[in-house]
Amino acid sequence: MNHQPIRPVTRAVTTALVAAGMMAATMPAAQAGDGDDRKGTTRVAVAPAVVSKLDRLGLEAAPTKGATAVPFEGTVALRFPVTAVKNDGNKLKHKGGVRISSGHEAIALKRFTVKLGKSKVGAAVSVNGDKVGRVEVLNIRKSNRPALGDVRLTLTRTAAKAINATFGAPAFSAGDNFGFAKVRLR
């Protein structure tokens, strides 16, 4: 399932571009020391409303470079391998990413980094093959759906504007719920 879309639910994975790194935000800082090399995964369950919105927009999404997508609790969940735990567990780095596309338009997000102290998730972003750089794409908030994840991920203003501009549809706004995340370290 690594590089193939899961239809129709994987269309929601496009939103997961932001969600990928967010799940790491659920790990308490006391679980890992500075430079700790333990690994695990972050699971991001895309909010069902996001999946519906992506379907309506005709967007396709697929995990990339080690990330996976699977059906989960009536939606889709993206899983990203944790590659590093730093700063007393306050910074989690991930490999893999998500590519969201429609026709000739595409947004790719990879190498998600969760910064717990700032309650933000950043990613290396490219739009239509042009590198944009590292961008904060998600905010980490308290979860109102613990069965889906320990934290809730919301879109930053930058992420919402990028999705709307790339795909030509004003469908997303800053603060929109993207999904829910959970981190499991080994």
Protein backbone atom coordinates (compact mmCIF):
# COMPACT_ATOMS: atom_id res chain seq x y z
CA MET A 1 0.00 0.00 0.00
CA ASN A 2 3.00 2.31 0.21
CA HIS A 3 2.76 4.28 -3.02
CA GLN A 4 -0.75 3.55 -4.26
CA PRO A 5 -3.90 5.49 -3.55
CA ILE A 6 -6.61 3.89 -1.46
CA ARG A 7 -9.91 4.86 -3.11
CA PRO A 8 -12.03 6.67 -2.26
CA VAL A 9 -10.66 7.24 1.23
CA THR A 10 -7.11 8.03 0.14
CA ARG A 11 -8.25 11.22 -1.45
CA ALA A 12 -8.48 12.47 2.08
CA VAL A 13 -4.87 11.62 2.46
CA THR A 14 -4.14 14.74 0.49
CA THR A 15 -4.97 16.60 3.57
CA ALA A 16 -2.70 14.24 5.32
CA LEU A 17 0.20 16.07 3.88
CA VAL A 18 -0.10 18.21 6.91
CA ALA A 19 -1.12 15.45 9.23
CA ALA A 20 1.84 13.27 8.61
CA GLY A 21 4.08 14.71 11.22
CA MET A 22 1.47 15.70 13.69
CA MET A 23 0.93 12.46 15.41
CA ALA A 24 4.28 12.70 17.04
CA ALA A 25 2.88 15.55 19.04
CA THR A 26 1.15 13.17 21.39
CA MET A 27 4.35 11.87 22.96
CA PRO A 28 5.06 13.26 26.41
CA ALA A 29 8.46 14.96 26.61
CA ALA A 30 9.57 12.70 29.47
CA GLN A 31 9.55 9.61 27.26
CA ALA A 32 12.72 10.40 25.36
CA GLY A 33 16.06 11.96 26.13
CA ASP A 34 18.06 14.43 24.08
CA GLY A 35 19.42 12.62 21.02
CA ASP A 36 17.40 9.50 21.80
CA ASP A 37 17.52 7.19 18.78
CA ARG A 38 14.44 5.09 19.56
CA LYS A 39 12.06 4.80 16.65
CA GLY A 40 8.37 4.27 16.20
CA THR A 41 5.50 5.57 14.10
CA THR A 42 3.09 8.43 14.03
CA ARG A 43 -0.44 7.64 12.87
CA VAL A 44 -2.60 10.43 11.53
CA ALA A 45 -6.31 9.64 11.13
CA VAL A 46 -7.71 12.07 8.57
CA ALA A 47 -10.95 13.68 9.72
CA PRO A 48 -13.94 12.13 7.87
CA ALA A 49 -15.12 15.60 6.76
CA VAL A 50 -11.75 16.20 5.11
CA VAL A 51 -12.00 12.91 3.24
CA SER A 52 -15.42 13.93 1.93
CA LYS A 53 -14.16 17.37 0.90
CA LEU A 54 -11.19 15.87 -0.96
CA ASP A 55 -13.49 13.44 -2.76
CA ARG A 56 -15.74 16.32 -3.85
CA LEU A 57 -12.70 18.22 -5.17
CA GLY A 58 -11.52 15.14 -7.12
CA LEU A 59 -8.12 15.08 -5.43
CA GLU A 60 -5.89 12.01 -5.34
CA ALA A 61 -3.40 11.42 -2.55
CA ALA A 62 -0.72 8.82 -2.09
CA PRO A 63 1.86 8.21 0.65
CA THR A 64 5.51 8.44 -0.42
CA LYS A 65 8.97 7.21 0.63
CA GLY A 66 8.11 4.84 3.48
CA ALA A 67 4.79 6.30 4.61
CA THR A 68 1.67 4.13 4.35
CA ALA A 69 -2.09 4.67 4.21
CA VAL A 70 -4.68 2.23 5.58
CA PRO A 71 -8.42 2.24 6.33
CA PHE A 72 -9.00 3.21 9.99
CA GLU A 73 -12.17 3.77 12.04
CA GLY A 74 -14.29 4.76 9.03
CA THR A 75 -11.62 7.03 7.55
CA VAL A 76 -8.01 6.70 6.39
CA ALA A 77 -4.88 6.78 8.53
CA LEU A 78 -1.42 7.73 7.38
CA ARG A 79 1.55 6.20 9.13
CA PHE A 80 4.95 7.85 9.17
CA PRO A 81 8.14 6.30 10.55
CA VAL A 82 9.79 8.31 13.34
CA THR A 83 13.48 8.75 12.50
CA ALA A 84 14.65 10.88 15.43
CA VAL A 85 13.52 12.01 18.87
CA LYS A 86 15.40 15.09 20.10
CA ASN A 87 15.31 17.92 22.66
CA ASP A 88 14.00 15.77 25.50
CA GLY A 89 11.21 14.41 23.28
CA ASN A 90 10.01 17.85 22.16
CA LYS A 91 11.09 17.37 18.54
CA LEU A 92 10.18 14.37 16.40
CA LYS A 93 11.42 13.85 12.86
CA HIS A 94 9.75 11.56 10.31
CA LYS A 95 10.48 10.05 6.94
CA GLY A 96 7.96 9.61 4.18
CA GLY A 97 5.33 12.01 3.04
CA VAL A 98 2.19 12.58 1.02
CA ARG A 99 1.62 13.71 -2.56
CA ILE A 100 -1.74 15.30 -3.35
CA SER A 101 -2.68 15.79 -6.97
CA SER A 102 -5.40 16.62 -9.46
CA GLY A 103 -4.61 16.72 -13.17
CA HIS A 104 -1.35 18.60 -13.60
CA GLU A 105 -1.40 20.20 -10.15
CA ALA A 106 0.34 18.62 -7.15
CA ILE A 107 1.52 19.38 -3.62
CA ALA A 108 4.14 17.12 -2.02
CA LEU A 109 4.98 17.12 1.70
CA LYS A 110 7.80 15.15 3.22
CA ARG A 111 10.14 14.92 6.19
CA PHE A 112 7.58 16.02 8.78
CA THR A 113 8.93 17.52 11.99
CA VAL A 114 6.80 17.87 15.10
CA LYS A 115 7.77 20.69 17.46
CA LEU A 116 5.87 20.11 20.67
CA GLY A 117 7.06 23.31 22.36
CA LYS A 118 5.52 25.35 19.54
CA SER A 119 2.56 22.99 18.98
CA LYS A 120 3.41 22.98 15.26
CA VAL A 121 4.15 20.45 12.53
CA GLY A 122 6.43 21.43 9.68
CA ALA A 123 7.25 19.73 6.38
CA ALA A 124 9.45 20.14 3.31
CA VAL A 125 6.94 21.30 0.68
CA SER A 126 6.97 21.41 -3.11
CA VAL A 127 4.20 22.67 -5.40
CA ASN A 128 4.06 21.40 -8.97
CA GLY A 129 7.64 20.16 -8.62
CA ASP A 130 9.03 23.49 -7.39
CA LYS A 131 10.57 23.37 -3.91
CA VAL A 132 8.96 25.85 -1.55
CA GLY A 133 11.07 24.98 1.51
CA ARG A 134 10.18 24.01 5.08
CA VAL A 135 6.77 25.28 6.10
CA GLU A 136 4.66 24.96 9.25
CA VAL A 137 1.57 23.16 7.96
CA LEU A 138 -0.33 22.02 11.06
CA ASN A 139 -1.15 23.21 14.53
CA ILE A 140 -1.38 20.73 17.40
CA ARG A 141 -4.49 21.05 19.57
CA LYS A 142 -6.31 19.04 22.23
CA SER A 143 -8.24 16.10 20.75
CA ASN A 144 -12.01 15.96 21.00
CA ARG A 145 -12.01 12.42 19.50
CA PRO A 146 -9.58 10.29 21.54
CA ALA A 147 -10.58 7.13 19.65
CA LEU A 148 -9.03 8.69 16.53
CA GLY A 149 -5.95 10.23 18.18
CA ASP A 150 -4.41 11.85 21.23
CA VAL A 151 -4.16 15.24 19.54
CA ARG A 152 -6.10 17.14 16.90
CA LEU A 153 -4.30 18.65 13.91
CA THR A 154 -5.55 21.87 12.35
CA LEU A 155 -4.41 23.58 9.17
CA THR A 156 -2.20 26.64 9.37
CA ARG A 157 -3.15 29.69 7.31
CA THR A 158 -0.20 28.95 4.99
CA ALA A 159 -1.30 25.35 4.38
CA ALA A 160 -4.94 26.29 3.72
CA LYS A 161 -3.94 29.03 1.26
CA ALA A 162 -1.53 26.69 -0.56
CA ILE A 163 -4.14 23.96 -1.02
CA ASN A 164 -6.77 26.46 -2.20
CA ALA A 165 -4.40 28.22 -4.62
CA THR A 166 -2.93 25.02 -6.07
CA PHE A 167 -6.25 23.32 -6.71
CA GLY A 168 -8.30 26.42 -7.50
CA ALA A 169 -11.00 25.86 -4.90
CA PRO A 170 -11.48 27.92 -1.70
CA ALA A 171 -12.35 24.81 0.28
CA PHE A 172 -10.00 25.11 3.28
CA SER A 173 -9.44 27.74 5.96
CA ALA A 174 -6.89 28.30 8.72
CA GLY A 175 -7.93 26.34 11.79
CA ASP A 176 -9.88 23.69 9.89
CA ASN A 177 -9.62 20.30 11.54
CA PHE A 178 -7.40 18.08 9.42
CA GLY A 179 -7.23 14.96 11.56
CA PHE A 180 -6.05 13.26 14.72
CA ALA A 181 -2.61 11.92 15.62
CA LYS A 182 -1.06 9.31 17.86
CA VAL A 183 2.66 8.52 18.32
CA ARG A 184 4.04 5.13 19.28
CA LEU A 185 7.73 4.84 20.08
CA ARG A 186 9.65 1.62 20.44
